[in-house]
Amino acid sequence: MKDVNVTELRQNLPEYLARVQRGERLRVTTRGRAIAEIAPPSASLEEAQAARARLRGSVLRYERPLEPVFGPEEWEMNQ
């Protein structure tokens, strides 16, 4: 992981983003203290985004959200 100062990062942002795109991780520092890390997206993030895309539009809408889904006669605890 390469350390890069905030000022250096600002002045050369396209170059550093290209490095991240190639898989390199960067640690951003200010006054010698690490304040952030920049890394390429992880596979798990991409998998989560793909899962959300597959689920999009599959959730049914409940028209009366303030009313019970089942009546009292359908609950086991009322028997």
PDB file of N, CA and C in Angstrom:
ATOM      1  N   MET A   1       0.857  -1.168   0.000  1.00  0.00           N
ATOM      2  CA  MET A   1       0.000   0.000   0.000  1.00  0.00           C
ATOM      3  C   MET A   1       0.905   1.232   0.000  1.00  0.00           C
ATOM      4  N   LYS A   2       0.610   2.148  -0.873  1.00  0.00           N
ATOM      5  CA  LYS A   2       1.408   3.365  -0.998  1.00  0.00           C
ATOM      6  C   LYS A   2       0.763   4.481  -0.186  1.00  0.00           C
ATOM      7  N   ASP A   3       1.599   5.211   0.568  1.00  0.00           N
ATOM      8  CA  ASP A   3       1.129   6.399   1.279  1.00  0.00           C
ATOM      9  C   ASP A   3       1.232   7.601   0.353  1.00  0.00           C
ATOM     10  N   VAL A   4       0.194   8.433   0.347  1.00  0.00           N
ATOM     11  CA  VAL A   4       0.200   9.645  -0.470  1.00  0.00           C
ATOM     12  C   VAL A   4      -0.423  10.779   0.341  1.00  0.00           C
ATOM     13  N   ASN A   5       0.238  11.917   0.341  1.00  0.00           N
ATOM     14  CA  ASN A   5      -0.243  13.096   1.049  1.00  0.00           C
ATOM     15  C   ASN A   5      -1.443  13.687   0.313  1.00  0.00           C
ATOM     16  N   VAL A   6      -2.343  14.309   1.046  1.00  0.00           N
ATOM     17  CA  VAL A   6      -3.552  14.899   0.464  1.00  0.00           C
ATOM     18  C   VAL A   6      -3.202  15.873  -0.660  1.00  0.00           C
ATOM     19  N   THR A   7      -2.214  16.717  -0.444  1.00  0.00           N
ATOM     20  CA  THR A   7      -1.833  17.702  -1.460  1.00  0.00           C
ATOM     21  C   THR A   7      -1.359  17.015  -2.730  1.00  0.00           C
ATOM     22  N   GLU A   8      -0.513  16.004  -2.577  1.00  0.00           N
ATOM     23  CA  GLU A   8      -0.015  15.236  -3.727  1.00  0.00           C
ATOM     24  C   GLU A   8      -1.176  14.549  -4.451  1.00  0.00           C
ATOM     25  N   LEU A   9      -2.107  13.993  -3.688  1.00  0.00           N
ATOM     26  CA  LEU A   9      -3.267  13.322  -4.282  1.00  0.00           C
ATOM     27  C   LEU A   9      -4.095  14.300  -5.101  1.00  0.00           C
ATOM     28  N   ARG A  10      -4.348  15.477  -4.552  1.00  0.00           N
ATOM     29  CA  ARG A  10      -5.136  16.485  -5.276  1.00  0.00           C
ATOM     30  C   ARG A  10      -4.461  16.886  -6.583  1.00  0.00           C
ATOM     31  N   GLN A  11      -3.149  17.075  -6.538  1.00  0.00           N
ATOM     32  CA  GLN A  11      -2.425  17.542  -7.717  1.00  0.00           C
ATOM     33  C   GLN A  11      -2.325  16.479  -8.806  1.00  0.00           C
ATOM     34  N   ASN A  12      -2.404  15.213  -8.425  1.00  0.00           N
ATOM     35  CA  ASN A  12      -2.210  14.122  -9.385  1.00  0.00           C
ATOM     36  C   ASN A  12      -3.328  13.088  -9.310  1.00  0.00           C
ATOM     37  N   LEU A  13      -4.541  13.537  -9.067  1.00  0.00           N
ATOM     38  CA  LEU A  13      -5.656  12.615  -8.862  1.00  0.00           C
ATOM     39  C   LEU A  13      -5.852  11.627 -10.006  1.00  0.00           C
ATOM     40  N   PRO A  14      -5.859  12.050 -11.274  1.00  0.00           N
ATOM     41  CA  PRO A  14      -6.065  11.061 -12.345  1.00  0.00           C
ATOM     42  C   PRO A  14      -5.016   9.944 -12.336  1.00  0.00           C
ATOM     43  N   GLU A  15      -3.771  10.301 -12.069  1.00  0.00           N
ATOM     44  CA  GLU A  15      -2.702   9.295 -12.026  1.00  0.00           C
ATOM     45  C   GLU A  15      -2.944   8.287 -10.900  1.00  0.00           C
ATOM     46  N   TYR A  16      -3.301   8.793  -9.719  1.00  0.00           N
ATOM     47  CA  TYR A  16      -3.528   7.897  -8.586  1.00  0.00           C
ATOM     48  C   TYR A  16      -4.781   7.041  -8.783  1.00  0.00           C
ATOM     49  N   LEU A  17      -5.811   7.600  -9.381  1.00  0.00           N
ATOM     50  CA  LEU A  17      -7.011   6.795  -9.646  1.00  0.00           C
ATOM     51  C   LEU A  17      -6.721   5.700 -10.659  1.00  0.00           C
ATOM     52  N   ALA A  18      -5.852   5.973 -11.616  1.00  0.00           N
ATOM     53  CA  ALA A  18      -5.451   4.938 -12.581  1.00  0.00           C
ATOM     54  C   ALA A  18      -4.721   3.810 -11.857  1.00  0.00           C
ATOM     55  N   ARG A  19      -3.893   4.157 -10.887  1.00  0.00           N
ATOM     56  CA  ARG A  19      -3.189   3.132 -10.114  1.00  0.00           C
ATOM     57  C   ARG A  19      -4.177   2.272  -9.333  1.00  0.00           C
ATOM     58  N   VAL A  20      -5.175   2.920  -8.738  1.00  0.00           N
ATOM     59  CA  VAL A  20      -6.197   2.176  -7.995  1.00  0.00           C
ATOM     60  C   VAL A  20      -6.969   1.273  -8.944  1.00  0.00           C
ATOM     61  N   GLN A  21      -7.267   1.768 -10.126  1.00  0.00           N
ATOM     62  CA  GLN A  21      -7.997   0.972 -11.113  1.00  0.00           C
ATOM     63  C   GLN A  21      -7.202  -0.276 -11.501  1.00  0.00           C
ATOM     64  N   ARG A  22      -5.887  -0.188 -11.458  1.00  0.00           N
ATOM     65  CA  ARG A  22      -5.034  -1.339 -11.765  1.00  0.00           C
ATOM     66  C   ARG A  22      -4.896  -2.281 -10.573  1.00  0.00           C
ATOM     67  N   GLY A  23      -5.524  -1.941  -9.448  1.00  0.00           N
ATOM     68  CA  GLY A  23      -5.525  -2.844  -8.303  1.00  0.00           C
ATOM     69  C   GLY A  23      -4.709  -2.382  -7.110  1.00  0.00           C
ATOM     70  N   GLU A  24      -4.032  -1.257  -7.208  1.00  0.00           N
ATOM     71  CA  GLU A  24      -3.211  -0.766  -6.104  1.00  0.00           C
ATOM     72  C   GLU A  24      -4.086  -0.075  -5.056  1.00  0.00           C
ATOM     73  N   ARG A  25      -3.679  -0.204  -3.804  1.00  0.00           N
ATOM     74  CA  ARG A  25      -4.372   0.471  -2.703  1.00  0.00           C
ATOM     75  C   ARG A  25      -3.545   1.671  -2.277  1.00  0.00           C
ATOM     76  N   LEU A  26      -4.209   2.756  -1.898  1.00  0.00           N
ATOM     77  CA  LEU A  26      -3.528   3.965  -1.446  1.00  0.00           C
ATOM     78  C   LEU A  26      -3.972   4.311  -0.031  1.00  0.00           C
ATOM     79  N   ARG A  27      -3.020   4.801   0.766  1.00  0.00           N
ATOM     80  CA  ARG A  27      -3.347   5.331   2.088  1.00  0.00           C
ATOM     81  C   ARG A  27      -3.129   6.837   2.001  1.00  0.00           C
ATOM     82  N   VAL A  28      -4.167   7.605   2.259  1.00  0.00           N
ATOM     83  CA  VAL A  28      -4.099   9.064   2.182  1.00  0.00           C
ATOM     84  C   VAL A  28      -3.696   9.587   3.560  1.00  0.00           C
ATOM     85  N   THR A  29      -2.691  10.471   3.563  1.00  0.00           N
ATOM     86  CA  THR A  29      -2.191  11.002   4.823  1.00  0.00           C
ATOM     87  C   THR A  29      -2.261  12.521   4.839  1.00  0.00           C
ATOM     88  N   THR A  30      -2.307  13.060   6.040  1.00  0.00           N
ATOM     89  CA  THR A  30      -2.164  14.491   6.253  1.00  0.00           C
ATOM     90  C   THR A  30      -1.323  14.666   7.507  1.00  0.00           C
ATOM     91  N   ARG A  31      -0.266  15.437   7.378  1.00  0.00           N
ATOM     92  CA  ARG A  31       0.688  15.632   8.479  1.00  0.00           C
ATOM     93  C   ARG A  31       1.193  14.304   9.021  1.00  0.00           C
ATOM     94  N   GLY A  32       1.383  13.337   8.136  1.00  0.00           N
ATOM     95  CA  GLY A  32       1.918  12.036   8.528  1.00  0.00           C
ATOM     96  C   GLY A  32       0.919  11.068   9.127  1.00  0.00           C
ATOM     97  N   ARG A  33      -0.325  11.477   9.292  1.00  0.00           N
ATOM     98  CA  ARG A  33      -1.364  10.604   9.857  1.00  0.00           C
ATOM     99  C   ARG A  33      -2.263  10.084   8.754  1.00  0.00           C
ATOM    100  N   ALA A  34      -2.545   8.803   8.775  1.00  0.00           N
ATOM    101  CA  ALA A  34      -3.462   8.213   7.801  1.00  0.00           C
ATOM    102  C   ALA A  34      -4.877   8.688   8.099  1.00  0.00           C
ATOM    103  N   ILE A  35      -5.557   9.169   7.049  1.00  0.00           N
ATOM    104  CA  ILE A  35      -6.939   9.635   7.234  1.00  0.00           C
ATOM    105  C   ILE A  35      -7.926   8.863   6.373  1.00  0.00           C
ATOM    106  N   ALA A  36      -7.420   8.142   5.363  1.00  0.00           N
ATOM    107  CA  ALA A  36      -8.329   7.398   4.481  1.00  0.00           C
ATOM    108  C   ALA A  36      -7.536   6.376   3.686  1.00  0.00           C
ATOM    109  N   GLU A  37      -8.256   5.417   3.144  1.00  0.00           N
ATOM    110  CA  GLU A  37      -7.677   4.458   2.209  1.00  0.00           C
ATOM    111  C   GLU A  37      -8.535   4.452   0.957  1.00  0.00           C
ATOM    112  N   ILE A  38      -7.879   4.349  -0.170  1.00  0.00           N
ATOM    113  CA  ILE A  38      -8.583   4.257  -1.452  1.00  0.00           C
ATOM    114  C   ILE A  38      -8.207   2.911  -2.048  1.00  0.00           C
ATOM    115  N   ALA A  39      -9.213   2.139  -2.410  1.00  0.00           N
ATOM    116  CA  ALA A  39      -8.973   0.795  -2.929  1.00  0.00           C
ATOM    117  C   ALA A  39      -9.975   0.492  -4.029  1.00  0.00           C
ATOM    118  N   PRO A  40      -9.615  -0.428  -4.924  1.00  0.00           N
ATOM    119  CA  PRO A  40     -10.586  -0.841  -5.935  1.00  0.00           C
ATOM    120  C   PRO A  40     -11.763  -1.543  -5.259  1.00  0.00           C
ATOM    121  N   PRO A  41     -12.924  -1.545  -5.894  1.00  0.00           N
ATOM    122  CA  PRO A  41     -14.078  -2.212  -5.285  1.00  0.00           C
ATOM    123  C   PRO A  41     -13.790  -3.694  -5.090  1.00  0.00           C
ATOM    124  N   SER A  42     -14.249  -4.224  -3.980  1.00  0.00           N
ATOM    125  CA  SER A  42     -14.036  -5.640  -3.709  1.00  0.00           C
ATOM    126  C   SER A  42     -15.058  -6.478  -4.461  1.00  0.00           C
ATOM    127  N   ALA A  43     -14.742  -7.740  -4.612  1.00  0.00           N
ATOM    128  CA  ALA A  43     -15.666  -8.657  -5.289  1.00  0.00           C
ATOM    129  C   ALA A  43     -16.980  -8.733  -4.527  1.00  0.00           C
ATOM    130  N   SER A  44     -16.919  -8.664  -3.197  1.00  0.00           N
ATOM    131  CA  SER A  44     -18.152  -8.766  -2.417  1.00  0.00           C
ATOM    132  C   SER A  44     -19.067  -7.573  -2.678  1.00  0.00           C
ATOM    133  N   LEU A  45     -18.491  -6.395  -2.899  1.00  0.00           N
ATOM    134  CA  LEU A  45     -19.299  -5.226  -3.237  1.00  0.00           C
ATOM    135  C   LEU A  45     -19.983  -5.437  -4.581  1.00  0.00           C
ATOM    136  N   GLU A  46     -19.244  -5.942  -5.542  1.00  0.00           N
ATOM    137  CA  GLU A  46     -19.826  -6.194  -6.863  1.00  0.00           C
ATOM    138  C   GLU A  46     -20.908  -7.265  -6.785  1.00  0.00           C
ATOM    139  N   GLU A  47     -20.680  -8.291  -5.956  1.00  0.00           N
ATOM    140  CA  GLU A  47     -21.693  -9.337  -5.785  1.00  0.00           C
ATOM    141  C   GLU A  47     -22.951  -8.766  -5.141  1.00  0.00           C
ATOM    142  N   ALA A  48     -22.788  -7.889  -4.162  1.00  0.00           N
ATOM    143  CA  ALA A  48     -23.948  -7.276  -3.502  1.00  0.00           C
ATOM    144  C   ALA A  48     -24.731  -6.418  -4.485  1.00  0.00           C
ATOM    145  N   GLN A  49     -24.034  -5.677  -5.321  1.00  0.00           N
ATOM    146  CA  GLN A  49     -24.714  -4.851  -6.318  1.00  0.00           C
ATOM    147  C   GLN A  49     -25.465  -5.724  -7.318  1.00  0.00           C
ATOM    148  N   ALA A  50     -24.877  -6.845  -7.712  1.00  0.00           N
ATOM    149  CA  ALA A  50     -25.545  -7.756  -8.645  1.00  0.00           C
ATOM    150  C   ALA A  50     -26.788  -8.365  -7.996  1.00  0.00           C
ATOM    151  N   ALA A  51     -26.689  -8.719  -6.717  1.00  0.00           N
ATOM    152  CA  ALA A  51     -27.843  -9.287  -6.014  1.00  0.00           C
ATOM    153  C   ALA A  51     -28.971  -8.267  -5.918  1.00  0.00           C
ATOM    154  N   ARG A  52     -28.634  -7.013  -5.605  1.00  0.00           N
ATOM    155  CA  ARG A  52     -29.662  -5.962  -5.557  1.00  0.00           C
ATOM    156  C   ARG A  52     -30.325  -5.789  -6.913  1.00  0.00           C
ATOM    157  N   ALA A  53     -29.538  -5.853  -7.972  1.00  0.00           N
ATOM    158  CA  ALA A  53     -30.092  -5.696  -9.322  1.00  0.00           C
ATOM    159  C   ALA A  53     -31.060  -6.832  -9.634  1.00  0.00           C
ATOM    160  N   ARG A  54     -30.717  -8.058  -9.201  1.00  0.00           N
ATOM    161  CA  ARG A  54     -31.612  -9.200  -9.448  1.00  0.00           C
ATOM    162  C   ARG A  54     -32.915  -9.063  -8.666  1.00  0.00           C
ATOM    163  N   LEU A  55     -32.856  -8.483  -7.476  1.00  0.00           N
ATOM    164  CA  LEU A  55     -34.050  -8.350  -6.636  1.00  0.00           C
ATOM    165  C   LEU A  55     -34.915  -7.151  -6.996  1.00  0.00           C
ATOM    166  N   ARG A  56     -34.328  -6.199  -7.697  1.00  0.00           N
ATOM    167  CA  ARG A  56     -35.066  -4.978  -8.033  1.00  0.00           C
ATOM    168  C   ARG A  56     -36.366  -5.342  -8.771  1.00  0.00           C
ATOM    169  N   GLY A  57     -37.456  -4.839  -8.280  1.00  0.00           N
ATOM    170  CA  GLY A  57     -38.752  -5.088  -8.907  1.00  0.00           C
ATOM    171  C   GLY A  57     -39.420  -6.374  -8.457  1.00  0.00           C
ATOM    172  N   SER A  58     -38.766  -7.157  -7.595  1.00  0.00           N
ATOM    173  CA  SER A  58     -39.350  -8.430  -7.189  1.00  0.00           C
ATOM    174  C   SER A  58     -40.132  -8.341  -5.878  1.00  0.00           C
ATOM    175  N   VAL A  59     -40.030  -7.236  -5.173  1.00  0.00           N
ATOM    176  CA  VAL A  59     -40.727  -7.081  -3.898  1.00  0.00           C
ATOM    177  C   VAL A  59     -42.156  -6.635  -4.170  1.00  0.00           C
ATOM    178  N   LEU A  60     -43.090  -7.352  -3.563  1.00  0.00           N
ATOM    179  CA  LEU A  60     -44.495  -7.008  -3.734  1.00  0.00           C
ATOM    180  C   LEU A  60     -44.849  -5.833  -2.839  1.00  0.00           C
ATOM    181  N   ARG A  61     -45.781  -5.055  -3.268  1.00  0.00           N
ATOM    182  CA  ARG A  61     -46.218  -3.897  -2.501  1.00  0.00           C
ATOM    183  C   ARG A  61     -47.479  -4.253  -1.732  1.00  0.00           C
ATOM    184  N   TYR A  62     -47.536  -3.841  -0.485  1.00  0.00           N
ATOM    185  CA  TYR A  62     -48.721  -4.063   0.329  1.00  0.00           C
ATOM    186  C   TYR A  62     -49.508  -2.768   0.344  1.00  0.00           C
ATOM    187  N   GLU A  63     -50.724  -2.808  -0.157  1.00  0.00           N
ATOM    188  CA  GLU A  63     -51.521  -1.601  -0.359  1.00  0.00           C
ATOM    189  C   GLU A  63     -51.995  -0.944   0.933  1.00  0.00           C
ATOM    190  N   ARG A  64     -52.182  -1.731   2.005  1.00  0.00           N
ATOM    191  CA  ARG A  64     -52.696  -1.174   3.264  1.00  0.00           C
ATOM    192  C   ARG A  64     -51.701  -1.462   4.391  1.00  0.00           C
ATOM    193  N   PRO A  65     -50.625  -0.719   4.476  1.00  0.00           N
ATOM    194  CA  PRO A  65     -49.573  -1.038   5.440  1.00  0.00           C
ATOM    195  C   PRO A  65     -49.968  -0.886   6.901  1.00  0.00           C
ATOM    196  N   LEU A  66     -51.042  -0.170   7.202  1.00  0.00           N
ATOM    197  CA  LEU A  66     -51.441   0.021   8.591  1.00  0.00           C
ATOM    198  C   LEU A  66     -52.444  -1.016   9.069  1.00  0.00           C
ATOM    199  N   GLU A  67     -52.903  -1.867   8.175  1.00  0.00           N
ATOM    200  CA  GLU A  67     -53.848  -2.914   8.553  1.00  0.00           C
ATOM    201  C   GLU A  67     -53.109  -4.235   8.707  1.00  0.00           C
ATOM    202  N   PRO A  68     -53.601  -5.116   9.599  1.00  0.00           N
ATOM    203  CA  PRO A  68     -52.949  -6.421   9.769  1.00  0.00           C
ATOM    204  C   PRO A  68     -52.989  -7.228   8.470  1.00  0.00           C
ATOM    205  N   VAL A  69     -51.976  -8.009   8.271  1.00  0.00           N
ATOM    206  CA  VAL A  69     -51.921  -8.863   7.086  1.00  0.00           C
ATOM    207  C   VAL A  69     -52.922  -9.999   7.228  1.00  0.00           C
ATOM    208  N   PHE A  70     -53.024 -10.560   8.451  1.00  0.00           N
ATOM    209  CA  PHE A  70     -53.952 -11.653   8.723  1.00  0.00           C
ATOM    210  C   PHE A  70     -54.961 -11.206   9.767  1.00  0.00           C
ATOM    211  N   GLY A  71     -56.147 -11.799   9.720  1.00  0.00           N
ATOM    212  CA  GLY A  71     -57.153 -11.529  10.737  1.00  0.00           C
ATOM    213  C   GLY A  71     -56.846 -12.306  12.011  1.00  0.00           C
ATOM    214  N   PRO A  72     -57.494 -11.948  13.116  1.00  0.00           N
ATOM    215  CA  PRO A  72     -57.235 -12.611  14.403  1.00  0.00           C
ATOM    216  C   PRO A  72     -57.484 -14.110  14.352  1.00  0.00           C
ATOM    217  N   GLU A  73     -58.435 -14.559  13.533  1.00  0.00           N
ATOM    218  CA  GLU A  73     -58.738 -15.991  13.458  1.00  0.00           C
ATOM    219  C   GLU A  73     -57.597 -16.792  12.838  1.00  0.00           C
ATOM    220  N   GLU A  74     -56.700 -16.135  12.168  1.00  0.00           N
ATOM    221  CA  GLU A  74     -55.596 -16.835  11.515  1.00  0.00           C
ATOM    222  C   GLU A  74     -54.344 -16.933  12.391  1.00  0.00           C
ATOM    223  N   TRP A  75     -54.348 -16.310  13.530  1.00  0.00           N
ATOM    224  CA  TRP A  75     -53.193 -16.356  14.421  1.00  0.00           C
ATOM    225  C   TRP A  75     -53.313 -17.548  15.364  1.00  0.00           C
ATOM    226  N   GLU A  76     -52.270 -18.323  15.482  1.00  0.00           N
ATOM    227  CA  GLU A  76     -52.271 -19.483  16.377  1.00  0.00           C
ATOM    228  C   GLU A  76     -52.477 -19.073  17.831  1.00  0.00           C
ATOM    229  N   MET A  77     -51.950 -17.927  18.216  1.00  0.00           N
ATOM    230  CA  MET A  77     -52.039 -17.526  19.619  1.00  0.00           C
ATOM    231  C   MET A  77     -53.470 -17.194  20.031  1.00  0.00           C
ATOM    232  N   ASN A  78     -54.361 -16.960  19.086  1.00  0.00           N
ATOM    233  CA  ASN A  78     -55.752 -16.646  19.415  1.00  0.00           C
ATOM    234  C   ASN A  78     -56.626 -17.884  19.479  1.00  0.00           C
ATOM    235  N   GLN A  79     -56.070 -19.047  19.213  1.00  0.00           N
ATOM    236  CA  GLN A  79     -56.880 -20.271  19.225  1.00  0.00           C
ATOM    237  C   GLN A  79     -56.980 -20.856  20.602  1.00  0.00           C
TER     238      GLN A  79
END
